[in-house]
PDB file of N, CA and C in Angstrom:
ATOM      1  N   UNK A   1     107.377  98.620 115.829  1.00  0.00           N
ATOM      2  CA  UNK A   1     107.480  97.911 114.574  1.00  0.00           C
ATOM      3  C   UNK A   1     106.247  98.144 113.700  1.00  0.00           C
ATOM      4  N   UNK A   2     105.075  98.343 114.306  1.00  0.00           N
ATOM      5  CA  UNK A   2     103.883  98.620 113.508  1.00  0.00           C
ATOM      6  C   UNK A   2     104.033  99.904 112.708  1.00  0.00           C
ATOM      7  N   UNK A   3     104.699 100.897 113.256  1.00  0.00           N
ATOM      8  CA  UNK A   3     104.892 102.153 112.542  1.00  0.00           C
ATOM      9  C   UNK A   3     105.690 101.905 111.262  1.00  0.00           C
ATOM     10  N   UNK A   4     106.725 101.088 111.350  1.00  0.00           N
ATOM     11  CA  UNK A   4     107.527 100.760 110.175  1.00  0.00           C
ATOM     12  C   UNK A   4     106.673 100.031 109.141  1.00  0.00           C
ATOM     13  N   UNK A   5     105.882  99.057 109.563  1.00  0.00           N
ATOM     14  CA  UNK A   5     105.020  98.326 108.629  1.00  0.00           C
ATOM     15  C   UNK A   5     103.991  99.242 107.988  1.00  0.00           C
ATOM     16  N   UNK A   6     103.453 100.182 108.747  1.00  0.00           N
ATOM     17  CA  UNK A   6     102.470 101.125 108.197  1.00  0.00           C
ATOM     18  C   UNK A   6     103.125 102.010 107.144  1.00  0.00           C
ATOM     19  N   UNK A   7     104.309 102.514 107.426  1.00  0.00           N
ATOM     20  CA  UNK A   7     105.011 103.344 106.443  1.00  0.00           C
ATOM     21  C   UNK A   7     105.343 102.559 105.189  1.00  0.00           C
ATOM     22  N   UNK A   8     105.797 101.333 105.352  1.00  0.00           N
ATOM     23  CA  UNK A   8     106.099 100.489 104.193  1.00  0.00           C
ATOM     24  C   UNK A   8     104.822 100.213 103.411  1.00  0.00           C
ATOM     25  N   UNK A   9     103.708  99.986 104.112  1.00  0.00           N
ATOM     26  CA  UNK A   9     102.433  99.699 103.451  1.00  0.00           C
ATOM     27  C   UNK A   9     101.955 100.874 102.613  1.00  0.00           C
ATOM     28  N   UNK A  10     102.276 102.078 103.012  1.00  0.00           N
ATOM     29  CA  UNK A  10     101.868 103.248 102.241  1.00  0.00           C
ATOM     30  C   UNK A  10     102.673 103.354 100.949  1.00  0.00           C
ATOM     31  N   UNK A  11     103.959 103.042 101.003  1.00  0.00           N
ATOM     32  CA  UNK A  11     104.813 103.184  99.829  1.00  0.00           C
ATOM     33  C   UNK A  11     104.874 101.926  98.961  1.00  0.00           C
ATOM     34  N   UNK A  12     104.914 100.738  99.592  1.00  0.00           N
ATOM     35  CA  UNK A  12     104.966  99.461  98.867  1.00  0.00           C
ATOM     36  C   UNK A  12     104.013  98.495  99.579  1.00  0.00           C
ATOM     37  N   UNK A  13     102.715  98.559  99.258  1.00  0.00           N
ATOM     38  CA  UNK A  13     101.723  97.774  99.995  1.00  0.00           C
ATOM     39  C   UNK A  13     102.014  96.276 100.110  1.00  0.00           C
ATOM     40  N   UNK A  14     102.420  95.581  99.039  1.00  0.00           N
ATOM     41  CA  UNK A  14     102.663  94.139  99.204  1.00  0.00           C
ATOM     42  C   UNK A  14     103.788  93.826 100.196  1.00  0.00           C
ATOM     43  N   UNK A  15     104.791  94.662 100.261  1.00  0.00           N
ATOM     44  CA  UNK A  15     105.880  94.434 101.208  1.00  0.00           C
ATOM     45  C   UNK A  15     105.388  94.577 102.645  1.00  0.00           C
ATOM     46  N   UNK A  16     104.514  95.539 102.896  1.00  0.00           N
ATOM     47  CA  UNK A  16     103.942  95.692 104.233  1.00  0.00           C
ATOM     48  C   UNK A  16     103.135  94.475 104.650  1.00  0.00           C
ATOM     49  N   UNK A  17     102.365  93.924 103.715  1.00  0.00           N
ATOM     50  CA  UNK A  17     101.581  92.721 104.011  1.00  0.00           C
ATOM     51  C   UNK A  17     102.514  91.530 104.213  1.00  0.00           C
ATOM     52  N   UNK A  18     103.541  91.419 103.380  1.00  0.00           N
ATOM     53  CA  UNK A  18     104.503  90.331 103.527  1.00  0.00           C
ATOM     54  C   UNK A  18     105.175  90.378 104.894  1.00  0.00           C
ATOM     55  N   UNK A  19     105.517  91.567 105.362  1.00  0.00           N
ATOM     56  CA  UNK A  19     106.147  91.705 106.676  1.00  0.00           C
ATOM     57  C   UNK A  19     105.207  91.259 107.786  1.00  0.00           C
ATOM     58  N   UNK A  20     103.905  91.352 107.549  1.00  0.00           N
ATOM     59  CA  UNK A  20     102.923  90.994 108.565  1.00  0.00           C
ATOM     60  C   UNK A  20     102.553  89.512 108.522  1.00  0.00           C
ATOM     61  N   UNK A  21     102.274  88.975 107.328  1.00  0.00           N
ATOM     62  CA  UNK A  21     101.724  87.619 107.241  1.00  0.00           C
ATOM     63  C   UNK A  21     102.550  86.646 106.411  1.00  0.00           C
ATOM     64  N   UNK A  22     103.554  87.100 105.712  1.00  0.00           N
ATOM     65  CA  UNK A  22     104.342  86.204 104.875  1.00  0.00           C
ATOM     66  C   UNK A  22     103.685  85.991 103.520  1.00  0.00           C
ATOM     67  N   UNK A  23     104.045  84.882 102.865  1.00  0.00           N
ATOM     68  CA  UNK A  23     103.560  84.610 101.508  1.00  0.00           C
ATOM     69  C   UNK A  23     102.241  83.832 101.521  1.00  0.00           C
ATOM     70  N   UNK A  24     101.258  84.371 102.175  1.00  0.00           N
ATOM     71  CA  UNK A  24      99.949  83.718 102.233  1.00  0.00           C
ATOM     72  C   UNK A  24      98.987  84.322 101.227  1.00  0.00           C
ATOM     73  N   UNK A  25      97.740  83.958 101.381  1.00  0.00           N
ATOM     74  CA  UNK A  25      96.704  84.456 100.483  1.00  0.00           C
ATOM     75  C   UNK A  25      96.535  85.961 100.555  1.00  0.00           C
ATOM     76  N   UNK A  26      96.695  86.533 101.744  1.00  0.00           N
ATOM     77  CA  UNK A  26      96.549  87.983 101.900  1.00  0.00           C
ATOM     78  C   UNK A  26      97.618  88.725 101.102  1.00  0.00           C
ATOM     79  N   UNK A  27      98.815  88.158 101.046  1.00  0.00           N
ATOM     80  CA  UNK A  27      99.891  88.790 100.268  1.00  0.00           C
ATOM     81  C   UNK A  27      99.529  88.832  98.796  1.00  0.00           C
ATOM     82  N   UNK A  28      99.090  87.685  98.244  1.00  0.00           N
ATOM     83  CA  UNK A  28      98.785  87.628  96.816  1.00  0.00           C
ATOM     84  C   UNK A  28      97.562  88.471  96.470  1.00  0.00           C
ATOM     85  N   UNK A  29      96.593  88.526  97.366  1.00  0.00           N
ATOM     86  CA  UNK A  29      95.450  89.410  97.154  1.00  0.00           C
ATOM     87  C   UNK A  29      95.918  90.857  97.107  1.00  0.00           C
ATOM     88  N   UNK A  30      96.843  91.208  97.976  1.00  0.00           N
ATOM     89  CA  UNK A  30      97.346  92.580  97.990  1.00  0.00           C
ATOM     90  C   UNK A  30      98.127  92.903  96.723  1.00  0.00           C
ATOM     91  N   UNK A  31      98.891  91.944  96.224  1.00  0.00           N
ATOM     92  CA  UNK A  31      99.609  92.157  94.959  1.00  0.00           C
ATOM     93  C   UNK A  31      98.599  92.448  93.846  1.00  0.00           C
ATOM     94  N   UNK A  32      97.533  91.655  93.778  1.00  0.00           N
ATOM     95  CA  UNK A  32      96.504  91.859  92.767  1.00  0.00           C
ATOM     96  C   UNK A  32      95.834  93.223  92.921  1.00  0.00           C
ATOM     97  N   UNK A  33      95.465  93.575  94.152  1.00  0.00           N
ATOM     98  CA  UNK A  33      94.826  94.873  94.384  1.00  0.00           C
ATOM     99  C   UNK A  33      95.751  96.031  94.036  1.00  0.00           C
ATOM    100  N   UNK A  34      97.033  95.883  94.322  1.00  0.00           N
ATOM    101  CA  UNK A  34      97.980  96.947  94.012  1.00  0.00           C
ATOM    102  C   UNK A  34      98.152  97.083  92.504  1.00  0.00           C
ATOM    103  N   UNK A  35      98.137  95.969  91.792  1.00  0.00           N
ATOM    104  CA  UNK A  35      98.236  96.032  90.328  1.00  0.00           C
ATOM    105  C   UNK A  35      96.994  96.701  89.739  1.00  0.00           C
ATOM    106  N   UNK A  36      95.832  96.365  90.282  1.00  0.00           N
ATOM    107  CA  UNK A  36      94.584  96.930  89.771  1.00  0.00           C
ATOM    108  C   UNK A  36      94.403  98.398  90.148  1.00  0.00           C
ATOM    109  N   UNK A  37      94.952  98.799  91.258  1.00  0.00           N
ATOM    110  CA  UNK A  37      94.848 100.187  91.702  1.00  0.00           C
ATOM    111  C   UNK A  37      95.660 100.379  92.961  1.00  0.00           C
ATOM    112  N   UNK A  38      96.471 101.387  92.971  1.00  0.00           N
ATOM    113  CA  UNK A  38      97.390 101.596  94.090  1.00  0.00           C
ATOM    114  C   UNK A  38      96.652 101.834  95.414  1.00  0.00           C
ATOM    115  N   UNK A  39      95.600 102.617  95.387  1.00  0.00           N
ATOM    116  CA  UNK A  39      94.850 102.947  96.611  1.00  0.00           C
ATOM    117  C   UNK A  39      94.200 101.708  97.239  1.00  0.00           C
ATOM    118  N   UNK A  40      93.540 100.834  96.465  1.00  0.00           N
ATOM    119  CA  UNK A  40      93.008  99.618  97.083  1.00  0.00           C
ATOM    120  C   UNK A  40      94.090  98.758  97.735  1.00  0.00           C
ATOM    121  N   UNK A  41      95.260  98.732  97.147  1.00  0.00           N
ATOM    122  CA  UNK A  41      96.373  97.994  97.730  1.00  0.00           C
ATOM    123  C   UNK A  41      96.790  98.571  99.072  1.00  0.00           C
ATOM    124  N   UNK A  42      96.821  99.893  99.161  1.00  0.00           N
ATOM    125  CA  UNK A  42      97.177 100.559 100.425  1.00  0.00           C
ATOM    126  C   UNK A  42      96.114 100.278 101.486  1.00  0.00           C
ATOM    127  N   UNK A  43      94.857 100.415 101.116  1.00  0.00           N
ATOM    128  CA  UNK A  43      93.765 100.199 102.066  1.00  0.00           C
ATOM    129  C   UNK A  43      93.803  98.762 102.597  1.00  0.00           C
ATOM    130  N   UNK A  44      93.986  97.797 101.717  1.00  0.00           N
ATOM    131  CA  UNK A  44      94.045  96.400 102.138  1.00  0.00           C
ATOM    132  C   UNK A  44      95.252  96.150 103.037  1.00  0.00           C
ATOM    133  N   UNK A  45      96.397  96.701 102.681  1.00  0.00           N
ATOM    134  CA  UNK A  45      97.601  96.517 103.489  1.00  0.00           C
ATOM    135  C   UNK A  45      97.411  97.101 104.889  1.00  0.00           C
ATOM    136  N   UNK A  46      96.855  98.283 104.969  1.00  0.00           N
ATOM    137  CA  UNK A  46      96.616  98.885 106.287  1.00  0.00           C
ATOM    138  C   UNK A  46      95.612  98.072 107.089  1.00  0.00           C
ATOM    139  N   UNK A  47      94.589  97.548 106.422  1.00  0.00           N
ATOM    140  CA  UNK A  47      93.610  96.700 107.105  1.00  0.00           C
ATOM    141  C   UNK A  47      94.285  95.459 107.686  1.00  0.00           C
ATOM    142  N   UNK A  48      95.111  94.796 106.903  1.00  0.00           N
ATOM    143  CA  UNK A  48      95.798  93.586 107.364  1.00  0.00           C
ATOM    144  C   UNK A  48      96.714  93.905 108.541  1.00  0.00           C
ATOM    145  N   UNK A  49      97.480  94.969 108.420  1.00  0.00           N
ATOM    146  CA  UNK A  49      98.443  95.316 109.476  1.00  0.00           C
ATOM    147  C   UNK A  49      97.732  95.721 110.761  1.00  0.00           C
ATOM    148  N   UNK A  50      96.696  96.529 110.652  1.00  0.00           N
ATOM    149  CA  UNK A  50      96.029  97.032 111.855  1.00  0.00           C
ATOM    150  C   UNK A  50      95.073  96.016 112.479  1.00  0.00           C
ATOM    151  N   UNK A  51      94.558  95.074 111.703  1.00  0.00           N
ATOM    152  CA  UNK A  51      93.600  94.127 112.267  1.00  0.00           C
ATOM    153  C   UNK A  51      94.247  92.864 112.824  1.00  0.00           C
ATOM    154  N   UNK A  52      95.424  92.524 112.372  1.00  0.00           N
ATOM    155  CA  UNK A  52      96.044  91.261 112.804  1.00  0.00           C
ATOM    156  C   UNK A  52      96.960  91.406 114.000  1.00  0.00           C
ATOM    157  N   UNK A  53      97.214  92.599 114.463  1.00  0.00           N
ATOM    158  CA  UNK A  53      98.059  92.777 115.638  1.00  0.00           C
ATOM    159  C   UNK A  53      99.514  92.459 115.333  1.00  0.00           C
ATOM    160  N   UNK A  54     100.272  92.040 116.345  1.00  0.00           N
ATOM    161  CA  UNK A  54     101.694  91.791 116.136  1.00  0.00           C
ATOM    162  C   UNK A  54     101.931  90.637 115.162  1.00  0.00           C
ATOM    163  N   UNK A  55     103.034  90.712 114.447  1.00  0.00           N
ATOM    164  CA  UNK A  55     103.386  89.670 113.476  1.00  0.00           C
ATOM    165  C   UNK A  55     103.599  88.340 114.185  1.00  0.00           C
ATOM    166  N   UNK A  56     103.196  87.292 113.516  1.00  0.00           N
ATOM    167  CA  UNK A  56     103.380  85.952 114.085  1.00  0.00           C
ATOM    168  C   UNK A  56     104.634  85.348 113.488  1.00  0.00           C
ATOM    169  N   UNK A  57     105.462  84.752 114.359  1.00  0.00           N
ATOM    170  CA  UNK A  57     106.716  84.168 113.872  1.00  0.00           C
ATOM    171  C   UNK A  57     106.547  82.708 113.540  1.00  0.00           C
TER     172      UNK A  57
END
C-alpha cells in the first residue's frame, strides 16, 4: 500500500497525504505547499508517507 501512496504523492501530493493522515493539519499544509510550488508539495507528501509508517485507521 505504501507504493500506491508514494505514486499518488508524486502525481497528486495532497491526495497522498490525505490517504496517510486524513484531513489534519499535515493535509492542509500540503495543499498550501502544492499551491505555492509543486515540488515542495511532493517533498512534504513523501516525508509524511515515509516517516509515519502504516496508515492509522
